[in-house]
């Protein structure tokens, strides 16, 4: 279960339980059900997944990879400390599934640098984002 790797929980959990890990890379997915609350207000006549939610999916994928590498899930809090670049290429609509490959590029001290590539079920690029997470002590 993904909940063993990351602290996020429903209704703010945007990574499905199925995932694959390959050394410094994780593959995740998520289907955006029409029941999600943000669809009621984000362009309600033509609902699309907000870019910030797509980004959060990538951040949670990175946290899952960090938790997997740690073998027992994250014992500290990983927070996004920097977004180097983000390119949104395609809108995601109600009931669409995205597939994501998140790669750990580099670790320096308590920071980790990642790149995520999000694609649609048809294989079209949705988002390419590079970002950093920092491990902080929970207060």
N, C-alpha and C. Protein backbone atom coordinates (compact mmCIF):
# COMPACT_ATOMS: atom_id res chain seq x y z
N UNK A 1 0.83 -1.20 0.00
CA UNK A 1 0.00 0.00 0.00
C UNK A 1 0.86 1.25 0.00
N UNK A 2 0.46 2.21 -0.80
CA UNK A 2 1.20 3.46 -0.93
C UNK A 2 1.25 4.22 0.40
N UNK A 3 0.21 4.04 1.24
CA UNK A 3 0.16 4.75 2.53
C UNK A 3 1.31 4.36 3.46
N UNK A 4 1.95 3.21 3.20
CA UNK A 4 3.11 2.82 4.00
C UNK A 4 4.35 3.63 3.63
N UNK A 5 4.31 4.26 2.45
CA UNK A 5 5.48 4.98 1.96
C UNK A 5 5.39 6.49 2.14
N UNK A 6 4.17 7.05 2.13
CA UNK A 6 4.02 8.51 2.20
C UNK A 6 2.97 8.89 3.24
N UNK A 7 3.02 10.14 3.74
CA UNK A 7 2.08 10.55 4.79
C UNK A 7 0.72 11.03 4.27
N UNK A 8 0.58 11.33 2.99
CA UNK A 8 -0.68 11.85 2.48
C UNK A 8 -1.79 10.81 2.59
N UNK A 9 -3.00 11.30 2.81
CA UNK A 9 -4.17 10.44 2.93
C UNK A 9 -5.33 11.07 2.16
N UNK A 10 -6.34 10.24 1.89
CA UNK A 10 -7.56 10.71 1.26
C UNK A 10 -8.15 11.82 2.13
N UNK A 11 -8.61 12.91 1.58
CA UNK A 11 -8.90 13.18 0.18
C UNK A 11 -7.75 13.84 -0.59
N UNK A 12 -6.54 13.85 -0.03
CA UNK A 12 -5.43 14.50 -0.73
C UNK A 12 -4.35 13.50 -1.11
N UNK A 13 -4.76 12.31 -1.46
CA UNK A 13 -3.83 11.27 -1.92
C UNK A 13 -4.06 11.08 -3.42
N UNK A 14 -3.03 11.35 -4.22
CA UNK A 14 -3.17 11.32 -5.68
C UNK A 14 -2.21 10.34 -6.35
N UNK A 15 -1.91 9.23 -5.66
CA UNK A 15 -1.10 8.15 -6.22
C UNK A 15 -1.83 6.84 -5.92
N UNK A 16 -2.01 6.01 -6.94
CA UNK A 16 -2.69 4.73 -6.76
C UNK A 16 -1.79 3.74 -6.03
N UNK A 17 -2.39 2.70 -5.48
CA UNK A 17 -1.63 1.68 -4.74
C UNK A 17 -0.66 0.90 -5.61
N UNK A 18 -0.94 0.79 -6.90
CA UNK A 18 -0.05 0.04 -7.79
C UNK A 18 1.11 0.94 -8.20
N UNK A 19 2.32 0.44 -8.01
CA UNK A 19 3.51 1.19 -8.43
C UNK A 19 4.63 0.19 -8.70
N UNK A 20 5.62 0.65 -9.47
CA UNK A 20 6.81 -0.16 -9.75
C UNK A 20 8.04 0.69 -9.46
N UNK A 21 9.03 0.08 -8.83
CA UNK A 21 10.27 0.79 -8.52
C UNK A 21 11.42 0.11 -9.23
N UNK A 22 12.27 0.92 -9.86
CA UNK A 22 13.47 0.45 -10.55
C UNK A 22 14.63 1.34 -10.09
N UNK A 23 15.43 0.87 -9.16
CA UNK A 23 16.59 1.58 -8.64
C UNK A 23 16.23 3.00 -8.22
N UNK A 24 16.50 4.02 -9.04
CA UNK A 24 16.22 5.42 -8.69
C UNK A 24 15.01 5.97 -9.43
N UNK A 25 14.04 5.10 -9.71
CA UNK A 25 12.89 5.51 -10.52
C UNK A 25 11.64 4.80 -10.01
N UNK A 26 10.52 5.51 -10.05
CA UNK A 26 9.24 4.91 -9.69
C UNK A 26 8.23 5.21 -10.79
N UNK A 27 7.38 4.23 -11.08
CA UNK A 27 6.28 4.43 -12.02
C UNK A 27 4.98 4.35 -11.23
N UNK A 28 4.17 5.39 -11.36
CA UNK A 28 2.91 5.48 -10.64
C UNK A 28 1.79 5.82 -11.61
N UNK A 29 0.58 5.79 -11.10
CA UNK A 29 -0.57 6.19 -11.91
C UNK A 29 -1.66 6.71 -10.98
N UNK A 30 -2.67 7.32 -11.59
CA UNK A 30 -3.83 7.78 -10.83
C UNK A 30 -4.97 8.06 -11.80
N UNK A 31 -6.18 7.70 -11.40
CA UNK A 31 -7.38 8.00 -12.17
C UNK A 31 -8.17 9.06 -11.42
N UNK A 32 -8.51 10.14 -12.12
CA UNK A 32 -9.21 11.27 -11.51
C UNK A 32 -10.73 11.07 -11.63
N UNK A 33 -11.29 10.48 -10.60
CA UNK A 33 -12.73 10.17 -10.55
C UNK A 33 -13.56 11.45 -10.58
N UNK A 34 -14.71 11.38 -11.22
CA UNK A 34 -15.60 12.54 -11.28
C UNK A 34 -16.11 12.94 -9.90
N UNK A 35 -15.93 12.10 -8.90
CA UNK A 35 -16.38 12.38 -7.54
C UNK A 35 -15.45 13.33 -6.79
N UNK A 36 -14.26 13.60 -7.31
CA UNK A 36 -13.32 14.49 -6.61
C UNK A 36 -13.90 15.90 -6.52
N UNK A 37 -13.81 16.49 -5.33
CA UNK A 37 -14.44 17.78 -5.07
C UNK A 37 -13.96 18.91 -5.97
N UNK A 38 -12.69 18.92 -6.33
CA UNK A 38 -12.20 20.08 -7.10
C UNK A 38 -12.85 20.20 -8.47
N UNK A 39 -13.40 19.11 -8.99
CA UNK A 39 -14.09 19.19 -10.29
C UNK A 39 -15.35 20.06 -10.22
N UNK A 40 -15.93 20.19 -9.03
CA UNK A 40 -17.15 20.99 -8.87
C UNK A 40 -16.89 22.48 -9.11
N UNK A 41 -15.65 22.92 -8.91
CA UNK A 41 -15.36 24.34 -9.03
C UNK A 41 -14.32 24.72 -10.06
N UNK A 42 -13.58 23.75 -10.57
CA UNK A 42 -12.52 24.06 -11.54
C UNK A 42 -13.06 23.86 -12.95
N UNK A 43 -13.57 24.95 -13.51
CA UNK A 43 -14.24 24.93 -14.82
C UNK A 43 -15.38 23.91 -14.83
N UNK A 44 -16.41 24.12 -13.98
CA UNK A 44 -17.46 23.12 -13.81
C UNK A 44 -18.20 22.73 -15.09
N UNK A 45 -18.29 23.62 -16.07
CA UNK A 45 -18.98 23.25 -17.31
C UNK A 45 -18.09 22.40 -18.22
N UNK A 46 -16.79 22.40 -17.96
CA UNK A 46 -15.83 21.61 -18.73
C UNK A 46 -14.67 21.25 -17.79
N UNK A 47 -14.92 20.40 -16.78
CA UNK A 47 -13.94 20.19 -15.71
C UNK A 47 -12.62 19.57 -16.19
N UNK A 48 -11.53 20.17 -15.69
CA UNK A 48 -10.19 19.64 -15.95
C UNK A 48 -9.44 19.54 -14.62
N UNK A 49 -8.45 18.68 -14.58
CA UNK A 49 -7.63 18.53 -13.38
C UNK A 49 -6.72 19.75 -13.27
N UNK A 50 -6.73 20.43 -12.11
CA UNK A 50 -5.85 21.59 -11.94
C UNK A 50 -4.37 21.19 -12.04
N UNK A 51 -3.58 22.07 -12.62
CA UNK A 51 -2.14 21.82 -12.75
C UNK A 51 -1.47 21.58 -11.42
N UNK A 52 -1.94 22.26 -10.38
CA UNK A 52 -1.34 22.08 -9.06
C UNK A 52 -1.59 20.66 -8.55
N UNK A 53 -2.71 20.04 -8.92
CA UNK A 53 -2.99 18.66 -8.52
C UNK A 53 -2.11 17.69 -9.30
N UNK A 54 -1.91 17.97 -10.59
CA UNK A 54 -0.99 17.14 -11.38
C UNK A 54 0.42 17.21 -10.80
N UNK A 55 0.82 18.42 -10.40
CA UNK A 55 2.14 18.60 -9.78
C UNK A 55 2.22 17.83 -8.47
N UNK A 56 1.18 17.93 -7.66
CA UNK A 56 1.14 17.22 -6.38
C UNK A 56 1.26 15.71 -6.58
N UNK A 57 0.64 15.19 -7.63
CA UNK A 57 0.79 13.77 -7.95
C UNK A 57 2.27 13.42 -8.14
N UNK A 58 3.00 14.29 -8.82
CA UNK A 58 4.44 14.06 -9.03
C UNK A 58 5.20 14.14 -7.72
N UNK A 59 4.85 15.11 -6.88
CA UNK A 59 5.53 15.25 -5.59
C UNK A 59 5.28 14.02 -4.72
N UNK A 60 4.06 13.52 -4.73
CA UNK A 60 3.75 12.32 -3.95
C UNK A 60 4.46 11.10 -4.51
N UNK A 61 4.61 11.04 -5.82
CA UNK A 61 5.36 9.94 -6.44
C UNK A 61 6.81 9.97 -5.98
N UNK A 62 7.40 11.17 -5.93
CA UNK A 62 8.77 11.31 -5.45
C UNK A 62 8.88 10.90 -3.98
N UNK A 63 7.92 11.31 -3.17
CA UNK A 63 7.92 10.93 -1.76
C UNK A 63 7.82 9.41 -1.61
N UNK A 64 7.02 8.77 -2.46
CA UNK A 64 6.91 7.31 -2.42
C UNK A 64 8.24 6.66 -2.76
N UNK A 65 8.94 7.21 -3.74
CA UNK A 65 10.26 6.67 -4.10
C UNK A 65 11.23 6.83 -2.93
N UNK A 66 11.21 8.00 -2.29
CA UNK A 66 12.08 8.22 -1.13
C UNK A 66 11.73 7.25 -0.01
N UNK A 67 10.44 7.03 0.21
CA UNK A 67 10.00 6.08 1.24
C UNK A 67 10.42 4.66 0.91
N UNK A 68 10.35 4.29 -0.35
CA UNK A 68 10.76 2.95 -0.78
C UNK A 68 12.27 2.77 -0.58
N UNK A 69 13.03 3.77 -0.97
CA UNK A 69 14.49 3.71 -0.81
C UNK A 69 14.85 3.59 0.67
N UNK A 70 14.09 4.28 1.53
CA UNK A 70 14.34 4.23 2.98
C UNK A 70 13.93 2.88 3.58
N UNK A 71 13.27 2.03 2.81
CA UNK A 71 12.86 0.67 3.17
C UNK A 71 11.67 0.59 4.12
N UNK A 72 11.39 1.63 4.88
CA UNK A 72 10.30 1.57 5.86
C UNK A 72 9.36 2.75 5.72
N UNK A 73 9.36 3.41 4.59
CA UNK A 73 8.55 4.61 4.45
C UNK A 73 9.30 5.81 5.00
N UNK A 74 8.77 6.97 4.71
CA UNK A 74 9.41 8.20 5.17
C UNK A 74 9.20 8.37 6.67
N UNK A 75 10.28 8.53 7.40
CA UNK A 75 10.20 8.78 8.84
C UNK A 75 10.24 10.28 9.12
N UNK A 76 10.66 11.06 8.14
CA UNK A 76 10.69 12.51 8.25
C UNK A 76 9.75 13.07 7.20
N UNK A 77 9.57 14.36 7.23
CA UNK A 77 8.68 15.02 6.28
C UNK A 77 9.48 15.53 5.09
N UNK A 78 9.05 15.16 3.89
CA UNK A 78 9.68 15.66 2.66
C UNK A 78 8.76 16.74 2.09
N UNK A 79 9.28 17.94 1.94
CA UNK A 79 8.49 19.04 1.39
C UNK A 79 9.13 19.55 0.11
N UNK A 80 8.30 20.01 -0.79
CA UNK A 80 8.82 20.57 -2.04
C UNK A 80 9.48 21.90 -1.70
N UNK A 81 10.72 22.06 -2.11
CA UNK A 81 11.45 23.28 -1.82
C UNK A 81 11.75 24.10 -3.07
N UNK A 82 11.53 23.48 -4.24
CA UNK A 82 11.84 24.21 -5.47
C UNK A 82 11.20 23.51 -6.66
N UNK A 83 10.65 24.31 -7.55
CA UNK A 83 10.21 23.81 -8.85
C UNK A 83 11.11 24.48 -9.88
N UNK A 84 11.95 23.67 -10.48
CA UNK A 84 12.91 24.19 -11.46
C UNK A 84 12.20 24.55 -12.76
N UNK A 85 11.35 23.64 -13.23
CA UNK A 85 10.60 23.90 -14.46
C UNK A 85 9.36 23.02 -14.47
N UNK A 86 8.33 23.51 -15.14
CA UNK A 86 7.10 22.75 -15.31
C UNK A 86 6.51 23.10 -16.67
N UNK A 87 6.28 22.08 -17.47
CA UNK A 87 5.68 22.28 -18.79
C UNK A 87 4.42 21.44 -18.87
N UNK A 88 3.27 22.12 -18.93
CA UNK A 88 1.99 21.45 -19.06
C UNK A 88 1.67 21.32 -20.54
N UNK A 89 1.48 20.11 -21.01
CA UNK A 89 1.36 19.86 -22.45
C UNK A 89 -0.05 19.44 -22.87
N UNK A 90 -0.83 18.90 -21.95
CA UNK A 90 -2.17 18.39 -22.30
C UNK A 90 -3.06 18.46 -21.07
N UNK A 91 -4.32 18.82 -21.28
CA UNK A 91 -5.28 18.84 -20.17
C UNK A 91 -5.69 17.41 -19.82
N UNK A 92 -6.01 17.22 -18.54
CA UNK A 92 -6.52 15.94 -18.06
C UNK A 92 -7.96 16.17 -17.61
N UNK A 93 -8.85 15.35 -18.10
CA UNK A 93 -10.29 15.50 -17.84
C UNK A 93 -10.78 14.46 -16.84
N UNK A 94 -12.05 14.58 -16.51
CA UNK A 94 -12.73 13.66 -15.59
C UNK A 94 -12.55 12.21 -16.04
N UNK A 95 -12.28 11.34 -15.09
CA UNK A 95 -12.14 9.89 -15.28
C UNK A 95 -10.94 9.47 -16.13
N UNK A 96 -10.03 10.39 -16.42
CA UNK A 96 -8.81 10.03 -17.15
C UNK A 96 -7.77 9.49 -16.18
N UNK A 97 -6.94 8.59 -16.69
CA UNK A 97 -5.84 8.01 -15.92
C UNK A 97 -4.53 8.58 -16.45
N UNK A 98 -3.66 8.96 -15.52
CA UNK A 98 -2.32 9.40 -15.89
C UNK A 98 -1.31 8.35 -15.43
N UNK A 99 -0.17 8.32 -16.11
CA UNK A 99 0.93 7.40 -15.80
C UNK A 99 2.18 8.25 -15.67
N UNK A 100 2.95 8.01 -14.63
CA UNK A 100 4.07 8.89 -14.31
C UNK A 100 5.34 8.10 -14.06
N UNK A 101 6.42 8.62 -14.61
CA UNK A 101 7.76 8.09 -14.32
C UNK A 101 8.51 9.21 -13.60
N UNK A 102 8.88 8.95 -12.35
CA UNK A 102 9.61 9.93 -11.55
C UNK A 102 10.99 9.37 -11.27
N UNK A 103 12.00 10.17 -11.59
CA UNK A 103 13.39 9.74 -11.45
C UNK A 103 14.11 10.62 -10.43
N UNK A 104 14.84 9.97 -9.52
CA UNK A 104 15.72 10.68 -8.60
C UNK A 104 16.98 11.02 -9.36
N UNK A 105 17.21 12.31 -9.56
CA UNK A 105 18.36 12.78 -10.34
C UNK A 105 19.62 12.88 -9.48
N UNK A 106 19.45 13.45 -8.28
CA UNK A 106 20.62 13.70 -7.43
C UNK A 106 20.17 13.92 -5.99
N UNK A 107 21.03 13.53 -5.06
CA UNK A 107 20.82 13.83 -3.64
C UNK A 107 22.00 14.66 -3.15
N UNK A 108 21.69 15.71 -2.39
CA UNK A 108 22.73 16.56 -1.80
C UNK A 108 22.28 16.92 -0.39
N UNK A 109 22.96 16.38 0.60
CA UNK A 109 22.57 16.65 1.98
C UNK A 109 21.14 16.19 2.24
N UNK A 110 20.30 17.12 2.71
CA UNK A 110 18.91 16.77 2.98
C UNK A 110 17.98 17.12 1.81
N UNK A 111 18.54 17.37 0.63
CA UNK A 111 17.74 17.70 -0.56
C UNK A 111 17.85 16.59 -1.60
N UNK A 112 16.77 16.40 -2.32
CA UNK A 112 16.74 15.43 -3.42
C UNK A 112 16.10 16.10 -4.62
N UNK A 113 16.67 15.85 -5.80
CA UNK A 113 16.22 16.48 -7.04
C UNK A 113 15.58 15.43 -7.94
N UNK A 114 14.42 15.76 -8.50
CA UNK A 114 13.62 14.80 -9.27
C UNK A 114 13.19 15.37 -10.61
N UNK A 115 12.85 14.45 -11.51
CA UNK A 115 12.19 14.80 -12.76
C UNK A 115 11.05 13.81 -12.95
N UNK A 116 9.86 14.35 -13.22
CA UNK A 116 8.69 13.52 -13.50
C UNK A 116 8.19 13.79 -14.91
N UNK A 117 7.82 12.72 -15.58
CA UNK A 117 7.17 12.80 -16.89
C UNK A 117 5.83 12.11 -16.75
N UNK A 118 4.77 12.88 -16.97
CA UNK A 118 3.40 12.38 -16.86
C UNK A 118 2.84 12.20 -18.26
N UNK A 119 2.23 11.04 -18.50
CA UNK A 119 1.60 10.78 -19.80
C UNK A 119 0.16 10.33 -19.61
N UNK A 120 -0.62 10.49 -20.67
CA UNK A 120 -2.00 10.02 -20.68
C UNK A 120 -2.01 8.53 -20.99
N UNK A 121 -3.17 7.92 -20.89
CA UNK A 121 -3.30 6.50 -21.25
C UNK A 121 -2.99 6.25 -22.71
N UNK A 122 -3.13 7.31 -23.54
CA UNK A 122 -2.81 7.21 -24.97
C UNK A 122 -1.32 7.41 -25.24
N UNK A 123 -0.54 7.68 -24.19
CA UNK A 123 0.89 7.88 -24.35
C UNK A 123 1.30 9.31 -24.66
N UNK A 124 0.35 10.25 -24.61
CA UNK A 124 0.67 11.66 -24.88
C UNK A 124 1.23 12.31 -23.62
N UNK A 125 2.23 13.17 -23.78
CA UNK A 125 2.81 13.86 -22.63
C UNK A 125 1.81 14.87 -22.08
N UNK A 126 1.67 14.84 -20.76
CA UNK A 126 0.77 15.73 -20.04
C UNK A 126 1.57 16.80 -19.32
N UNK A 127 2.63 16.39 -18.63
CA UNK A 127 3.42 17.30 -17.79
C UNK A 127 4.84 16.78 -17.71
N UNK A 128 5.78 17.71 -17.80
CA UNK A 128 7.19 17.43 -17.51
C UNK A 128 7.58 18.43 -16.44
N UNK A 129 8.02 17.94 -15.29
CA UNK A 129 8.33 18.82 -14.18
C UNK A 129 9.62 18.38 -13.49
N UNK A 130 10.47 19.35 -13.17
CA UNK A 130 11.70 19.12 -12.41
C UNK A 130 11.58 19.89 -11.11
N UNK A 131 11.90 19.23 -9.99
CA UNK A 131 11.68 19.84 -8.69
C UNK A 131 12.63 19.24 -7.66
N UNK A 132 12.67 19.90 -6.50
CA UNK A 132 13.49 19.43 -5.39
C UNK A 132 12.62 19.27 -4.15
N UNK A 133 12.96 18.29 -3.34
CA UNK A 133 12.32 18.07 -2.04
C UNK A 133 13.40 18.16 -0.98
N UNK A 134 13.02 18.69 0.16
CA UNK A 134 13.93 18.79 1.29
C UNK A 134 13.34 18.01 2.46
N UNK A 135 14.17 17.27 3.15
CA UNK A 135 13.74 16.53 4.34
C UNK A 135 13.81 17.49 5.52
N UNK A 136 12.69 17.62 6.22
CA UNK A 136 12.63 18.51 7.38
C UNK A 136 12.13 17.71 8.58
N UNK A 137 12.44 18.21 9.76
CA UNK A 137 11.97 17.60 10.99
C UNK A 137 10.55 18.08 11.25
N UNK A 138 9.66 17.15 11.56
CA UNK A 138 8.27 17.54 11.84
C UNK A 138 8.22 18.31 13.15
N UNK A 139 7.41 19.37 13.14
CA UNK A 139 7.27 20.20 14.35
C UNK A 139 5.96 19.94 15.03
